[in-house]
Amino acid sequence: MNTTETAPVPVQTDSKAETVFGSALLFSGIRCVLQYAILPFALPLIGVAADVATPISLAINLVAIIALGYSVRRMWQINYKYKWLYTGIGAISLIIMLSFILLDFGILKV
């Protein structure tokens, strides 16, 4: 008997991971629609100054980083079999969001 074999991941763990992943995708989709469609195009159409979009975008990215950290942490807590892949993709997403935050600070000249 080989003692290094790991037990199969329970179905309940896969279900939890799918819920976390689905929630993360939904949040990401809403964030992208807000940040790339509504803020740059809809706000000027309704007469809201473009200066308002940058702080909103900054806040959205900060919330997204918190949500990303939560979802990666959750994947590790439930010991999901693809946690390393999810963490790698999360790291790339984090770098992109941090870049957008730096750009927003540049626009705000903080």
PDB file of N, CA and C in Angstrom:
ATOM      1  N   MET A   1       0.840  -1.176   0.000  1.00  0.00           N
ATOM      2  CA  MET A   1       0.000   0.000   0.000  1.00  0.00           C
ATOM      3  C   MET A   1       0.891   1.247   0.000  1.00  0.00           C
ATOM      4  N   ASN A   2       0.630   2.133  -0.918  1.00  0.00           N
ATOM      5  CA  ASN A   2       1.395   3.367  -1.055  1.00  0.00           C
ATOM      6  C   ASN A   2       0.751   4.433  -0.171  1.00  0.00           C
ATOM      7  N   THR A   3       1.483   4.941   0.794  1.00  0.00           N
ATOM      8  CA  THR A   3       0.932   5.922   1.734  1.00  0.00           C
ATOM      9  C   THR A   3       0.982   7.338   1.198  1.00  0.00           C
ATOM     10  N   THR A   4       1.604   7.554   0.042  1.00  0.00           N
ATOM     11  CA  THR A   4       1.701   8.903  -0.501  1.00  0.00           C
ATOM     12  C   THR A   4       0.514   9.255  -1.380  1.00  0.00           C
ATOM     13  N   GLU A   5      -0.365   8.317  -1.636  1.00  0.00           N
ATOM     14  CA  GLU A   5      -1.537   8.606  -2.463  1.00  0.00           C
ATOM     15  C   GLU A   5      -2.481   9.522  -1.699  1.00  0.00           C
ATOM     16  N   THR A   6      -3.102  10.417  -2.435  1.00  0.00           N
ATOM     17  CA  THR A   6      -4.067  11.313  -1.804  1.00  0.00           C
ATOM     18  C   THR A   6      -5.466  10.799  -2.070  1.00  0.00           C
ATOM     19  N   ALA A   7      -6.328  11.112  -1.152  1.00  0.00           N
ATOM     20  CA  ALA A   7      -7.723  10.704  -1.303  1.00  0.00           C
ATOM     21  C   ALA A   7      -8.378  11.557  -2.373  1.00  0.00           C
ATOM     22  N   PRO A   8      -9.345  11.002  -3.082  1.00  0.00           N
ATOM     23  CA  PRO A   8     -10.039  11.805  -4.087  1.00  0.00           C
ATOM     24  C   PRO A   8     -10.755  12.988  -3.431  1.00  0.00           C
ATOM     25  N   VAL A   9     -10.852  14.074  -4.185  1.00  0.00           N
ATOM     26  CA  VAL A   9     -11.520  15.265  -3.680  1.00  0.00           C
ATOM     27  C   VAL A   9     -13.018  14.987  -3.602  1.00  0.00           C
ATOM     28  N   PRO A  10     -13.629  15.222  -2.449  1.00  0.00           N
ATOM     29  CA  PRO A  10     -15.058  14.960  -2.324  1.00  0.00           C
ATOM     30  C   PRO A  10     -15.876  15.835  -3.271  1.00  0.00           C
ATOM     31  N   VAL A  11     -17.024  15.332  -3.660  1.00  0.00           N
ATOM     32  CA  VAL A  11     -17.912  16.068  -4.558  1.00  0.00           C
ATOM     33  C   VAL A  11     -18.337  17.386  -3.930  1.00  0.00           C
ATOM     34  N   GLN A  12     -18.511  17.395  -2.620  1.00  0.00           N
ATOM     35  CA  GLN A  12     -18.914  18.612  -1.933  1.00  0.00           C
ATOM     36  C   GLN A  12     -17.863  19.707  -2.105  1.00  0.00           C
ATOM     37  N   THR A  13     -16.587  19.355  -2.076  1.00  0.00           N
ATOM     38  CA  THR A  13     -15.513  20.323  -2.278  1.00  0.00           C
ATOM     39  C   THR A  13     -15.570  20.892  -3.681  1.00  0.00           C
ATOM     40  N   ASP A  14     -15.803  20.040  -4.685  1.00  0.00           N
ATOM     41  CA  ASP A  14     -15.932  20.519  -6.053  1.00  0.00           C
ATOM     42  C   ASP A  14     -17.111  21.475  -6.184  1.00  0.00           C
ATOM     43  N   SER A  15     -18.211  21.165  -5.515  1.00  0.00           N
ATOM     44  CA  SER A  15     -19.392  22.020  -5.560  1.00  0.00           C
ATOM     45  C   SER A  15     -19.108  23.384  -4.932  1.00  0.00           C
ATOM     46  N   LYS A  16     -18.402  23.385  -3.802  1.00  0.00           N
ATOM     47  CA  LYS A  16     -18.034  24.645  -3.155  1.00  0.00           C
ATOM     48  C   LYS A  16     -17.112  25.462  -4.052  1.00  0.00           C
ATOM     49  N   ALA A  17     -16.157  24.788  -4.682  1.00  0.00           N
ATOM     50  CA  ALA A  17     -15.222  25.479  -5.570  1.00  0.00           C
ATOM     51  C   ALA A  17     -15.956  26.083  -6.758  1.00  0.00           C
ATOM     52  N   GLU A  18     -16.919  25.345  -7.304  1.00  0.00           N
ATOM     53  CA  GLU A  18     -17.690  25.871  -8.427  1.00  0.00           C
ATOM     54  C   GLU A  18     -18.500  27.092  -8.005  1.00  0.00           C
ATOM     55  N   THR A  19     -19.019  27.073  -6.793  1.00  0.00           N
ATOM     56  CA  THR A  19     -19.765  28.226  -6.288  1.00  0.00           C
ATOM     57  C   THR A  19     -18.852  29.438  -6.132  1.00  0.00           C
ATOM     58  N   VAL A  20     -17.680  29.239  -5.547  1.00  0.00           N
ATOM     59  CA  VAL A  20     -16.719  30.332  -5.373  1.00  0.00           C
ATOM     60  C   VAL A  20     -16.280  30.855  -6.736  1.00  0.00           C
ATOM     61  N   PHE A  21     -15.957  29.948  -7.643  1.00  0.00           N
ATOM     62  CA  PHE A  21     -15.496  30.347  -8.974  1.00  0.00           C
ATOM     63  C   PHE A  21     -16.602  31.068  -9.737  1.00  0.00           C
ATOM     64  N   GLY A  22     -17.819  30.560  -9.651  1.00  0.00           N
ATOM     65  CA  GLY A  22     -18.948  31.201 -10.329  1.00  0.00           C
ATOM     66  C   GLY A  22     -19.213  32.598  -9.791  1.00  0.00           C
ATOM     67  N   SER A  23     -19.120  32.760  -8.473  1.00  0.00           N
ATOM     68  CA  SER A  23     -19.309  34.078  -7.864  1.00  0.00           C
ATOM     69  C   SER A  23     -18.207  35.043  -8.308  1.00  0.00           C
ATOM     70  N   ALA A  24     -16.984  34.535  -8.375  1.00  0.00           N
ATOM     71  CA  ALA A  24     -15.868  35.376  -8.819  1.00  0.00           C
ATOM     72  C   ALA A  24     -16.051  35.809 -10.273  1.00  0.00           C
ATOM     73  N   LEU A  25     -16.511  34.900 -11.111  1.00  0.00           N
ATOM     74  CA  LEU A  25     -16.751  35.251 -12.515  1.00  0.00           C
ATOM     75  C   LEU A  25     -17.873  36.268 -12.651  1.00  0.00           C
ATOM     76  N   LEU A  26     -18.939  36.103 -11.887  1.00  0.00           N
ATOM     77  CA  LEU A  26     -20.056  37.045 -11.924  1.00  0.00           C
ATOM     78  C   LEU A  26     -19.590  38.427 -11.492  1.00  0.00           C
ATOM     79  N   PHE A  27     -18.849  38.491 -10.393  1.00  0.00           N
ATOM     80  CA  PHE A  27     -18.333  39.770  -9.917  1.00  0.00           C
ATOM     81  C   PHE A  27     -17.410  40.410 -10.957  1.00  0.00           C
ATOM     82  N   SER A  28     -16.557  39.604 -11.546  1.00  0.00           N
ATOM     83  CA  SER A  28     -15.630  40.114 -12.562  1.00  0.00           C
ATOM     84  C   SER A  28     -16.389  40.653 -13.773  1.00  0.00           C
ATOM     85  N   GLY A  29     -17.423  39.957 -14.177  1.00  0.00           N
ATOM     86  CA  GLY A  29     -18.226  40.417 -15.308  1.00  0.00           C
ATOM     87  C   GLY A  29     -18.907  41.740 -15.021  1.00  0.00           C
ATOM     88  N   ILE A  30     -19.484  41.864 -13.837  1.00  0.00           N
ATOM     89  CA  ILE A  30     -20.140  43.120 -13.453  1.00  0.00           C
ATOM     90  C   ILE A  30     -19.117  44.248 -13.381  1.00  0.00           C
ATOM     91  N   ARG A  31     -17.956  43.951 -12.815  1.00  0.00           N
ATOM     92  CA  ARG A  31     -16.896  44.964 -12.714  1.00  0.00           C
ATOM     93  C   ARG A  31     -16.451  45.444 -14.091  1.00  0.00           C
ATOM     94  N   CYS A  32     -16.274  44.513 -15.009  1.00  0.00           N
ATOM     95  CA  CYS A  32     -15.828  44.881 -16.353  1.00  0.00           C
ATOM     96  C   CYS A  32     -16.873  45.716 -17.085  1.00  0.00           C
ATOM     97  N   VAL A  33     -18.135  45.353 -16.962  1.00  0.00           N
ATOM     98  CA  VAL A  33     -19.196  46.142 -17.606  1.00  0.00           C
ATOM     99  C   VAL A  33     -19.226  47.548 -17.032  1.00  0.00           C
ATOM    100  N   LEU A  34     -19.138  47.656 -15.719  1.00  0.00           N
ATOM    101  CA  LEU A  34     -19.124  48.983 -15.095  1.00  0.00           C
ATOM    102  C   LEU A  34     -17.912  49.799 -15.535  1.00  0.00           C
ATOM    103  N   GLN A  35     -16.738  49.176 -15.426  1.00  0.00           N
ATOM    104  CA  GLN A  35     -15.496  49.906 -15.650  1.00  0.00           C
ATOM    105  C   GLN A  35     -15.243  50.250 -17.118  1.00  0.00           C
ATOM    106  N   TYR A  36     -15.636  49.382 -18.026  1.00  0.00           N
ATOM    107  CA  TYR A  36     -15.269  49.587 -19.422  1.00  0.00           C
ATOM    108  C   TYR A  36     -16.429  49.987 -20.326  1.00  0.00           C
ATOM    109  N   ALA A  37     -17.657  49.910 -19.842  1.00  0.00           N
ATOM    110  CA  ALA A  37     -18.798  50.290 -20.676  1.00  0.00           C
ATOM    111  C   ALA A  37     -19.593  51.434 -20.056  1.00  0.00           C
ATOM    112  N   ILE A  38     -20.010  51.261 -18.823  1.00  0.00           N
ATOM    113  CA  ILE A  38     -20.879  52.259 -18.213  1.00  0.00           C
ATOM    114  C   ILE A  38     -20.118  53.526 -17.841  1.00  0.00           C
ATOM    115  N   LEU A  39     -19.002  53.379 -17.120  1.00  0.00           N
ATOM    116  CA  LEU A  39     -18.278  54.570 -16.660  1.00  0.00           C
ATOM    117  C   LEU A  39     -17.765  55.447 -17.799  1.00  0.00           C
ATOM    118  N   PRO A  40     -17.072  54.915 -18.792  1.00  0.00           N
ATOM    119  CA  PRO A  40     -16.526  55.816 -19.809  1.00  0.00           C
ATOM    120  C   PRO A  40     -17.555  56.332 -20.815  1.00  0.00           C
ATOM    121  N   PHE A  41     -18.660  55.633 -21.011  1.00  0.00           N
ATOM    122  CA  PHE A  41     -19.602  56.032 -22.051  1.00  0.00           C
ATOM    123  C   PHE A  41     -20.926  56.545 -21.506  1.00  0.00           C
ATOM    124  N   ALA A  42     -21.484  55.882 -20.525  1.00  0.00           N
ATOM    125  CA  ALA A  42     -22.808  56.257 -20.031  1.00  0.00           C
ATOM    126  C   ALA A  42     -22.774  57.514 -19.161  1.00  0.00           C
ATOM    127  N   LEU A  43     -21.757  57.652 -18.316  1.00  0.00           N
ATOM    128  CA  LEU A  43     -21.700  58.831 -17.455  1.00  0.00           C
ATOM    129  C   LEU A  43     -21.666  60.134 -18.251  1.00  0.00           C
ATOM    130  N   PRO A  44     -20.823  60.252 -19.273  1.00  0.00           N
ATOM    131  CA  PRO A  44     -20.845  61.490 -20.057  1.00  0.00           C
ATOM    132  C   PRO A  44     -22.181  61.720 -20.787  1.00  0.00           C
ATOM    133  N   LEU A  45     -22.833  60.638 -21.194  1.00  0.00           N
ATOM    134  CA  LEU A  45     -24.118  60.785 -21.878  1.00  0.00           C
ATOM    135  C   LEU A  45     -25.201  61.359 -20.971  1.00  0.00           C
ATOM    136  N   ILE A  46     -25.142  61.034 -19.695  1.00  0.00           N
ATOM    137  CA  ILE A  46     -26.150  61.565 -18.769  1.00  0.00           C
ATOM    138  C   ILE A  46     -25.684  62.848 -18.091  1.00  0.00           C
ATOM    139  N   GLY A  47     -24.547  63.366 -18.520  1.00  0.00           N
ATOM    140  CA  GLY A  47     -24.079  64.654 -18.041  1.00  0.00           C
ATOM    141  C   GLY A  47     -23.248  64.633 -16.774  1.00  0.00           C
ATOM    142  N   VAL A  48     -22.801  63.474 -16.373  1.00  0.00           N
ATOM    143  CA  VAL A  48     -21.936  63.388 -15.197  1.00  0.00           C
ATOM    144  C   VAL A  48     -20.500  63.600 -15.646  1.00  0.00           C
ATOM    145  N   ALA A  49     -19.777  64.409 -14.926  1.00  0.00           N
ATOM    146  CA  ALA A  49     -18.408  64.743 -15.310  1.00  0.00           C
ATOM    147  C   ALA A  49     -17.521  63.499 -15.336  1.00  0.00           C
ATOM    148  N   ALA A  50     -16.587  63.505 -16.251  1.00  0.00           N
ATOM    149  CA  ALA A  50     -15.655  62.382 -16.385  1.00  0.00           C
ATOM    150  C   ALA A  50     -14.766  62.242 -15.148  1.00  0.00           C
ATOM    151  N   ASP A  51     -14.608  63.330 -14.389  1.00  0.00           N
ATOM    152  CA  ASP A  51     -13.785  63.270 -13.175  1.00  0.00           C
ATOM    153  C   ASP A  51     -14.364  62.327 -12.126  1.00  0.00           C
ATOM    154  N   VAL A  52     -15.647  62.054 -12.214  1.00  0.00           N
ATOM    155  CA  VAL A  52     -16.306  61.163 -11.263  1.00  0.00           C
ATOM    156  C   VAL A  52     -15.940  59.703 -11.545  1.00  0.00           C
ATOM    157  N   ALA A  53     -15.664  59.389 -12.806  1.00  0.00           N
ATOM    158  CA  ALA A  53     -15.408  57.999 -13.198  1.00  0.00           C
ATOM    159  C   ALA A  53     -14.125  57.444 -12.568  1.00  0.00           C
ATOM    160  N   THR A  54     -13.101  58.251 -12.437  1.00  0.00           N
ATOM    161  CA  THR A  54     -11.819  57.758 -11.916  1.00  0.00           C
ATOM    162  C   THR A  54     -11.912  57.284 -10.462  1.00  0.00           C
ATOM    163  N   PRO A  55     -12.497  58.065  -9.564  1.00  0.00           N
ATOM    164  CA  PRO A  55     -12.630  57.549  -8.194  1.00  0.00           C
ATOM    165  C   PRO A  55     -13.522  56.305  -8.106  1.00  0.00           C
ATOM    166  N   ILE A  56     -14.550  56.244  -8.927  1.00  0.00           N
ATOM    167  CA  ILE A  56     -15.413  55.065  -8.943  1.00  0.00           C
ATOM    168  C   ILE A  56     -14.621  53.855  -9.437  1.00  0.00           C
ATOM    169  N   SER A  57     -13.845  54.040 -10.492  1.00  0.00           N
ATOM    170  CA  SER A  57     -13.010  52.965 -11.027  1.00  0.00           C
ATOM    171  C   SER A  57     -11.995  52.497  -9.992  1.00  0.00           C
ATOM    172  N   LEU A  58     -11.417  53.431  -9.279  1.00  0.00           N
ATOM    173  CA  LEU A  58     -10.452  53.091  -8.225  1.00  0.00           C
ATOM    174  C   LEU A  58     -11.125  52.250  -7.140  1.00  0.00           C
ATOM    175  N   ALA A  59     -12.308  52.653  -6.729  1.00  0.00           N
ATOM    176  CA  ALA A  59     -13.037  51.908  -5.700  1.00  0.00           C
ATOM    177  C   ALA A  59     -13.407  50.511  -6.193  1.00  0.00           C
ATOM    178  N   ILE A  60     -13.834  50.409  -7.437  1.00  0.00           N
ATOM    179  CA  ILE A  60     -14.195  49.106  -8.011  1.00  0.00           C
ATOM    180  C   ILE A  60     -12.985  48.178  -8.018  1.00  0.00           C
ATOM    181  N   ASN A  61     -11.829  48.694  -8.405  1.00  0.00           N
ATOM    182  CA  ASN A  61     -10.624  47.862  -8.432  1.00  0.00           C
ATOM    183  C   ASN A  61     -10.197  47.431  -7.034  1.00  0.00           C
ATOM    184  N   LEU A  62     -10.341  48.309  -6.058  1.00  0.00           N
ATOM    185  CA  LEU A  62      -9.995  47.931  -4.683  1.00  0.00           C
ATOM    186  C   LEU A  62     -10.918  46.832  -4.165  1.00  0.00           C
ATOM    187  N   VAL A  63     -12.215  46.951  -4.448  1.00  0.00           N
ATOM    188  CA  VAL A  63     -13.163  45.906  -4.050  1.00  0.00           C
ATOM    189  C   VAL A  63     -12.837  44.606  -4.780  1.00  0.00           C
ATOM    190  N   ALA A  64     -12.451  44.704  -6.057  1.00  0.00           N
ATOM    191  CA  ALA A  64     -12.110  43.512  -6.839  1.00  0.00           C
ATOM    192  C   ALA A  64     -10.887  42.796  -6.256  1.00  0.00           C
ATOM    193  N   ILE A  65      -9.914  43.547  -5.778  1.00  0.00           N
ATOM    194  CA  ILE A  65      -8.723  42.940  -5.180  1.00  0.00           C
ATOM    195  C   ILE A  65      -9.097  42.208  -3.886  1.00  0.00           C
ATOM    196  N   ILE A  66      -9.957  42.812  -3.100  1.00  0.00           N
ATOM    197  CA  ILE A  66     -10.416  42.151  -1.874  1.00  0.00           C
ATOM    198  C   ILE A  66     -11.174  40.872  -2.217  1.00  0.00           C
ATOM    199  N   ALA A  67     -12.048  40.936  -3.208  1.00  0.00           N
ATOM    200  CA  ALA A  67     -12.815  39.755  -3.620  1.00  0.00           C
ATOM    201  C   ALA A  67     -11.903  38.664  -4.169  1.00  0.00           C
ATOM    202  N   LEU A  68     -10.882  39.063  -4.915  1.00  0.00           N
ATOM    203  CA  LEU A  68      -9.927  38.099  -5.446  1.00  0.00           C
ATOM    204  C   LEU A  68      -9.197  37.393  -4.306  1.00  0.00           C
ATOM    205  N   GLY A  69      -8.748  38.164  -3.326  1.00  0.00           N
ATOM    206  CA  GLY A  69      -8.071  37.569  -2.172  1.00  0.00           C
ATOM    207  C   GLY A  69      -8.976  36.594  -1.436  1.00  0.00           C
ATOM    208  N   TYR A  70     -10.238  36.970  -1.293  1.00  0.00           N
ATOM    209  CA  TYR A  70     -11.189  36.083  -0.620  1.00  0.00           C
ATOM    210  C   TYR A  70     -11.374  34.786  -1.404  1.00  0.00           C
ATOM    211  N   SER A  71     -11.539  34.892  -2.719  1.00  0.00           N
ATOM    212  CA  SER A  71     -11.796  33.681  -3.504  1.00  0.00           C
ATOM    213  C   SER A  71     -10.576  32.761  -3.551  1.00  0.00           C
ATOM    214  N   VAL A  72      -9.370  33.322  -3.636  1.00  0.00           N
ATOM    215  CA  VAL A  72      -8.160  32.491  -3.618  1.00  0.00           C
ATOM    216  C   VAL A  72      -8.030  31.812  -2.248  1.00  0.00           C
ATOM    217  N   ARG A  73      -8.268  32.562  -1.201  1.00  0.00           N
ATOM    218  CA  ARG A  73      -8.215  31.993   0.157  1.00  0.00           C
ATOM    219  C   ARG A  73      -9.226  30.868   0.306  1.00  0.00           C
ATOM    220  N   ARG A  74     -10.409  31.069  -0.236  1.00  0.00           N
ATOM    221  CA  ARG A  74     -11.465  30.062  -0.145  1.00  0.00           C
ATOM    222  C   ARG A  74     -11.070  28.785  -0.887  1.00  0.00           C
ATOM    223  N   MET A  75     -10.441  28.930  -2.055  1.00  0.00           N
ATOM    224  CA  MET A  75      -9.994  27.754  -2.809  1.00  0.00           C
ATOM    225  C   MET A  75      -8.984  26.938  -2.000  1.00  0.00           C
ATOM    226  N   TRP A  76      -8.116  27.615  -1.265  1.00  0.00           N
ATOM    227  CA  TRP A  76      -7.125  26.923  -0.439  1.00  0.00           C
ATOM    228  C   TRP A  76      -7.779  26.298   0.782  1.00  0.00           C
ATOM    229  N   GLN A  77      -8.778  26.958   1.348  1.00  0.00           N
ATOM    230  CA  GLN A  77      -9.460  26.406   2.519  1.00  0.00           C
ATOM    231  C   GLN A  77     -10.174  25.102   2.198  1.00  0.00           C
ATOM    232  N   ILE A  78     -10.792  25.040   1.024  1.00  0.00           N
ATOM    233  CA  ILE A  78     -11.525  23.817   0.675  1.00  0.00           C
ATOM    234  C   ILE A  78     -10.623  22.800  -0.011  1.00  0.00           C
ATOM    235  N   ASN A  79      -9.342  23.169  -0.179  1.00  0.00           N
ATOM    236  CA  ASN A  79      -8.344  22.289  -0.790  1.00  0.00           C
ATOM    237  C   ASN A  79      -8.768  21.821  -2.179  1.00  0.00           C
ATOM    238  N   TYR A  80      -9.163  22.784  -2.998  1.00  0.00           N
ATOM    239  CA  TYR A  80      -9.610  22.483  -4.353  1.00  0.00           C
ATOM    240  C   TYR A  80      -8.431  21.996  -5.187  1.00  0.00           C
ATOM    241  N   LYS A  81      -8.675  21.019  -6.044  1.00  0.00           N
ATOM    242  CA  LYS A  81      -7.577  20.393  -6.789  1.00  0.00           C
ATOM    243  C   LYS A  81      -6.881  21.343  -7.761  1.00  0.00           C
ATOM    244  N   TYR A  82      -7.549  22.403  -8.204  1.00  0.00           N
ATOM    245  CA  TYR A  82      -6.941  23.359  -9.127  1.00  0.00           C
ATOM    246  C   TYR A  82      -6.555  24.669  -8.434  1.00  0.00           C
ATOM    247  N   LYS A  83      -6.296  24.601  -7.138  1.00  0.00           N
ATOM    248  CA  LYS A  83      -6.003  25.812  -6.381  1.00  0.00           C
ATOM    249  C   LYS A  83      -4.738  26.520  -6.869  1.00  0.00           C
ATOM    250  N   TRP A  84      -3.731  25.775  -7.307  1.00  0.00           N
ATOM    251  CA  TRP A  84      -2.505  26.409  -7.811  1.00  0.00           C
ATOM    252  C   TRP A  84      -2.767  27.154  -9.110  1.00  0.00           C
ATOM    253  N   LEU A  85      -3.533  26.552  -9.996  1.00  0.00           N
ATOM    254  CA  LEU A  85      -3.891  27.217 -11.255  1.00  0.00           C
ATOM    255  C   LEU A  85      -4.701  28.477 -10.976  1.00  0.00           C
ATOM    256  N   TYR A  86      -5.685  28.354 -10.090  1.00  0.00           N
ATOM    257  CA  TYR A  86      -6.519  29.496  -9.733  1.00  0.00           C
ATOM    258  C   TYR A  86      -5.680  30.601  -9.103  1.00  0.00           C
ATOM    259  N   THR A  87      -4.729  30.231  -8.265  1.00  0.00           N
ATOM    260  CA  THR A  87      -3.848  31.211  -7.627  1.00  0.00           C
ATOM    261  C   THR A  87      -2.981  31.920  -8.664  1.00  0.00           C
ATOM    262  N   GLY A  88      -2.472  31.178  -9.641  1.00  0.00           N
ATOM    263  CA  GLY A  88      -1.665  31.786 -10.702  1.00  0.00           C
ATOM    264  C   GLY A  88      -2.456  32.780 -11.539  1.00  0.00           C
ATOM    265  N   ILE A  89      -3.659  32.393 -11.908  1.00  0.00           N
ATOM    266  CA  ILE A  89      -4.519  33.296 -12.677  1.00  0.00           C
ATOM    267  C   ILE A  89      -4.884  34.507 -11.822  1.00  0.00           C
ATOM    268  N   GLY A  90      -5.122  34.259 -10.533  1.00  0.00           N
ATOM    269  CA  GLY A  90      -5.414  35.359  -9.620  1.00  0.00           C
ATOM    270  C   GLY A  90      -4.245  36.326  -9.504  1.00  0.00           C
ATOM    271  N   ALA A  91      -3.025  35.806  -9.497  1.00  0.00           N
ATOM    272  CA  ALA A  91      -1.838  36.669  -9.416  1.00  0.00           C
ATOM    273  C   ALA A  91      -1.719  37.558 -10.651  1.00  0.00           C
ATOM    274  N   ILE A  92      -1.999  36.994 -11.806  1.00  0.00           N
ATOM    275  CA  ILE A  92      -1.972  37.789 -13.041  1.00  0.00           C
ATOM    276  C   ILE A  92      -3.052  38.866 -12.992  1.00  0.00           C
ATOM    277  N   SER A  93      -4.236  38.494 -12.530  1.00  0.00           N
ATOM    278  CA  SER A  93      -5.332  39.467 -12.400  1.00  0.00           C
ATOM    279  C   SER A  93      -4.963  40.567 -11.416  1.00  0.00           C
ATOM    280  N   LEU A  94      -4.305  40.197 -10.331  1.00  0.00           N
ATOM    281  CA  LEU A  94      -3.890  41.183  -9.337  1.00  0.00           C
ATOM    282  C   LEU A  94      -2.919  42.197  -9.937  1.00  0.00           C
ATOM    283  N   ILE A  95      -1.975  41.722 -10.721  1.00  0.00           N
ATOM    284  CA  ILE A  95      -1.009  42.620 -11.373  1.00  0.00           C
ATOM    285  C   ILE A  95      -1.732  43.590 -12.305  1.00  0.00           C
ATOM    286  N   ILE A  96      -2.686  43.092 -13.050  1.00  0.00           N
ATOM    287  CA  ILE A  96      -3.443  43.956 -13.967  1.00  0.00           C
ATOM    288  C   ILE A  96      -4.243  45.000 -13.191  1.00  0.00           C
ATOM    289  N   MET A  97      -4.922  44.566 -12.129  1.00  0.00           N
ATOM    290  CA  MET A  97      -5.718  45.520 -11.341  1.00  0.00           C
ATOM    291  C   MET A  97      -4.839  46.554 -10.648  1.00  0.00           C
ATOM    292  N   LEU A  98      -3.673  46.140 -10.150  1.00  0.00           N
ATOM    293  CA  LEU A  98      -2.754  47.101  -9.547  1.00  0.00           C
ATOM    294  C   LEU A  98      -2.260  48.114 -10.577  1.00  0.00           C
ATOM    295  N   SER A  99      -2.065  47.668 -11.808  1.00  0.00           N
ATOM    296  CA  SER A  99      -1.681  48.588 -12.887  1.00  0.00           C
ATOM    297  C   SER A  99      -2.772  49.627 -13.127  1.00  0.00           C
ATOM    298  N   PHE A 100      -4.033  49.177 -13.140  1.00  0.00           N
ATOM    299  CA  PHE A 100      -5.142  50.113 -13.315  1.00  0.00           C
ATOM    300  C   PHE A 100      -5.233  51.092 -12.149  1.00  0.00           C
ATOM    301  N   ILE A 101      -4.945  50.626 -10.937  1.00  0.00           N
ATOM    302  CA  ILE A 101      -4.967  51.519  -9.780  1.00  0.00           C
ATOM    303  C   ILE A 101      -3.875  52.576  -9.907  1.00  0.00           C
ATOM    304  N   LEU A 102      -2.694  52.180 -10.346  1.00  0.00           N
ATOM    305  CA  LEU A 102      -1.614  53.155 -10.563  1.00  0.00           C
ATOM    306  C   LEU A 102      -2.001  54.173 -11.619  1.00  0.00           C
ATOM    307  N   LEU A 103      -2.652  53.710 -12.684  1.00  0.00           N
ATOM    308  CA  LEU A 103      -3.126  54.642 -13.714  1.00  0.00           C
ATOM    309  C   LEU A 103      -4.173  55.596 -13.153  1.00  0.00           C
ATOM    310  N   ASP A 104      -5.074  55.076 -12.332  1.00  0.00           N
ATOM    311  CA  ASP A 104      -6.088  55.941 -11.720  1.00  0.00           C
ATOM    312  C   ASP A 104      -5.457  56.979 -10.815  1.00  0.00           C
ATOM    313  N   PHE A 105      -4.455  56.582 -10.033  1.00  0.00           N
ATOM    314  CA  PHE A 105      -3.763  57.563  -9.194  1.00  0.00           C
ATOM    315  C   PHE A 105      -3.043  58.613 -10.041  1.00  0.00           C
ATOM    316  N   GLY A 106      -2.519  58.192 -11.189  1.00  0.00           N
ATOM    317  CA  GLY A 106      -1.887  59.144 -12.100  1.00  0.00           C
ATOM    318  C   GLY A 106      -2.879  60.153 -12.641  1.00  0.00           C
ATOM    319  N   ILE A 107      -4.087  59.684 -12.930  1.00  0.00           N
ATOM    320  CA  ILE A 107      -5.132  60.597 -13.423  1.00  0.00           C
ATOM    321  C   ILE A 107      -5.569  61.552 -12.318  1.00  0.00           C
ATOM    322  N   LEU A 108      -5.668  61.030 -11.093  1.00  0.00           N
ATOM    323  CA  LEU A 108      -6.055  61.863  -9.957  1.00  0.00           C
ATOM    324  C   LEU A 108      -4.917  62.763  -9.492  1.00  0.00           C
ATOM    325  N   LYS A 109      -3.694  62.440  -9.906  1.00  0.00           N
ATOM    326  CA  LYS A 109      -2.472  63.173  -9.515  1.00  0.00           C
ATOM    327  C   LYS A 109      -2.343  63.250  -7.998  1.00  0.00           C
ATOM    328  N   VAL A 110      -2.491  62.054  -7.395  1.00  0.00           N
ATOM    329  CA  VAL A 110      -2.376  61.959  -5.927  1.00  0.00           C
ATOM    330  C   VAL A 110      -0.932  61.718  -5.567  1.00  0.00           C
TER     331      VAL A 110
END
